[in-house]
Amino acid sequence: MSLEDYVDNPLWPVLVETVHAMIMYSHHKAYTRDMIIQEHPEITPQELSTKLSVPLGEGLVILNELHEEKSESKQKI
């Protein structure tokens, strides 16, 4: 499944809410943005979840949000 398939699922908002409630989420997102994406820009959610030892759902949400942030910053330029 592609990331878009997950985002289009009606349960996506529930997953996002659950991931945002996780204590280490903001730290994992920052580490992914600042370190992992720099070294592996095409990392998959599965690879990210393995690398961070987090659930696949957290990897999906992190990569989706970072992709959206990147798209928004490009639109502002």
C-alpha atoms as a PDB file:
ATOM      1  CA  MET A   1       0.000   0.000   0.000  1.00  0.00           C
ATOM      2  CA  SER A   2       1.140   3.502  -0.728  1.00  0.00           C
ATOM      3  CA  LEU A   3       1.052   6.322   1.805  1.00  0.00           C
ATOM      4  CA  GLU A   4      -1.874   7.865  -0.087  1.00  0.00           C
ATOM      5  CA  ASP A   5      -3.883   4.658   0.377  1.00  0.00           C
ATOM      6  CA  TYR A   6      -3.505   4.970   4.134  1.00  0.00           C
ATOM      7  CA  VAL A   7      -4.367   8.677   4.166  1.00  0.00           C
ATOM      8  CA  ASP A   8      -7.547   8.033   2.170  1.00  0.00           C
ATOM      9  CA  ASN A   9      -8.726   5.419   4.683  1.00  0.00           C
ATOM     10  CA  PRO A  10     -11.609   6.618   6.883  1.00  0.00           C
ATOM     11  CA  LEU A  11      -9.656   5.535   9.984  1.00  0.00           C
ATOM     12  CA  TRP A  12      -6.661   7.775   9.147  1.00  0.00           C
ATOM     13  CA  PRO A  13      -7.761  10.596  11.517  1.00  0.00           C
ATOM     14  CA  VAL A  14      -7.999   8.076  14.366  1.00  0.00           C
ATOM     15  CA  LEU A  15      -4.447   6.874  13.660  1.00  0.00           C
ATOM     16  CA  VAL A  16      -3.134  10.449  13.542  1.00  0.00           C
ATOM     17  CA  GLU A  17      -4.828  11.307  16.837  1.00  0.00           C
ATOM     18  CA  THR A  18      -3.410   8.171  18.460  1.00  0.00           C
ATOM     19  CA  VAL A  19       0.117   8.839  17.201  1.00  0.00           C
ATOM     20  CA  HIS A  20       0.003  12.467  18.328  1.00  0.00           C
ATOM     21  CA  ALA A  21      -0.826  11.238  21.835  1.00  0.00           C
ATOM     22  CA  MET A  22       2.347   9.128  22.003  1.00  0.00           C
ATOM     23  CA  ILE A  23       4.923  10.596  24.374  1.00  0.00           C
ATOM     24  CA  MET A  24       7.939  10.317  22.065  1.00  0.00           C
ATOM     25  CA  TYR A  25       6.138  11.294  18.849  1.00  0.00           C
ATOM     26  CA  SER A  26       7.455  14.864  18.609  1.00  0.00           C
ATOM     27  CA  HIS A  27      11.015  13.682  19.294  1.00  0.00           C
ATOM     28  CA  HIS A  28      10.767  10.911  16.704  1.00  0.00           C
ATOM     29  CA  LYS A  29       9.397  13.374  14.147  1.00  0.00           C
ATOM     30  CA  ALA A  30      12.179  15.885  14.804  1.00  0.00           C
ATOM     31  CA  TYR A  31      14.868  13.190  14.636  1.00  0.00           C
ATOM     32  CA  THR A  32      13.403  11.877  11.394  1.00  0.00           C
ATOM     33  CA  ARG A  33      13.305  15.376   9.873  1.00  0.00           C
ATOM     34  CA  ASP A  34      16.758  16.446  11.073  1.00  0.00           C
ATOM     35  CA  MET A  35      18.737  13.214  10.693  1.00  0.00           C
ATOM     36  CA  ILE A  36      17.087  10.312   8.927  1.00  0.00           C
ATOM     37  CA  ILE A  37      15.567  12.159   5.957  1.00  0.00           C
ATOM     38  CA  GLN A  38      18.903  13.880   5.343  1.00  0.00           C
ATOM     39  CA  GLU A  39      20.637  10.505   4.972  1.00  0.00           C
ATOM     40  CA  HIS A  40      17.734   8.557   3.417  1.00  0.00           C
ATOM     41  CA  PRO A  41      15.323  10.928   1.629  1.00  0.00           C
ATOM     42  CA  GLU A  42      13.336   8.059   0.074  1.00  0.00           C
ATOM     43  CA  ILE A  43      12.878   6.038   3.284  1.00  0.00           C
ATOM     44  CA  THR A  44       9.671   4.022   3.443  1.00  0.00           C
ATOM     45  CA  PRO A  45       7.336   3.967   6.442  1.00  0.00           C
ATOM     46  CA  GLN A  46       8.335   0.349   7.086  1.00  0.00           C
ATOM     47  CA  GLU A  47      12.042   1.209   7.055  1.00  0.00           C
ATOM     48  CA  LEU A  48      11.453   4.191   9.335  1.00  0.00           C
ATOM     49  CA  SER A  49       9.473   2.149  11.835  1.00  0.00           C
ATOM     50  CA  THR A  50      12.261  -0.435  11.938  1.00  0.00           C
ATOM     51  CA  LYS A  51      14.991   2.192  12.269  1.00  0.00           C
ATOM     52  CA  LEU A  52      13.199   3.995  15.125  1.00  0.00           C
ATOM     53  CA  SER A  53      11.726   0.837  16.684  1.00  0.00           C
ATOM     54  CA  VAL A  54       8.256   2.353  16.545  1.00  0.00           C
ATOM     55  CA  PRO A  55       4.918   1.068  15.241  1.00  0.00           C
ATOM     56  CA  LEU A  56       4.285   1.290  11.502  1.00  0.00           C
ATOM     57  CA  GLY A  57       1.425   3.726  12.165  1.00  0.00           C
ATOM     58  CA  GLU A  58       3.800   6.212  13.758  1.00  0.00           C
ATOM     59  CA  GLY A  59       6.157   5.937  10.787  1.00  0.00           C
ATOM     60  CA  LEU A  60       3.262   6.535   8.396  1.00  0.00           C
ATOM     61  CA  VAL A  61       2.075   9.639  10.240  1.00  0.00           C
ATOM     62  CA  ILE A  62       5.578  11.089  10.594  1.00  0.00           C
ATOM     63  CA  LEU A  63       6.444  10.670   6.916  1.00  0.00           C
ATOM     64  CA  ASN A  64       3.067  11.991   5.805  1.00  0.00           C
ATOM     65  CA  GLU A  65       3.361  15.102   7.962  1.00  0.00           C
ATOM     66  CA  LEU A  66       6.944  15.759   6.873  1.00  0.00           C
ATOM     67  CA  HIS A  67       5.904  15.357   3.234  1.00  0.00           C
ATOM     68  CA  GLU A  68       3.030  17.817   3.752  1.00  0.00           C
ATOM     69  CA  GLU A  69       5.329  20.318   5.494  1.00  0.00           C
ATOM     70  CA  LYS A  70       7.804  20.085   2.627  1.00  0.00           C
ATOM     71  CA  SER A  71       5.021  20.635   0.078  1.00  0.00           C
ATOM     72  CA  GLU A  72       3.715  23.659   1.994  1.00  0.00           C
ATOM     73  CA  SER A  73       7.168  25.232   2.213  1.00  0.00           C
ATOM     74  CA  LYS A  74       7.659  24.821  -1.551  1.00  0.00           C
ATOM     75  CA  GLN A  75       4.318  26.531  -2.215  1.00  0.00           C
ATOM     76  CA  LYS A  76       5.355  29.549  -0.133  1.00  0.00           C
ATOM     77  CA  ILE A  77       8.456  30.106  -2.252  1.00  0.00           C
END
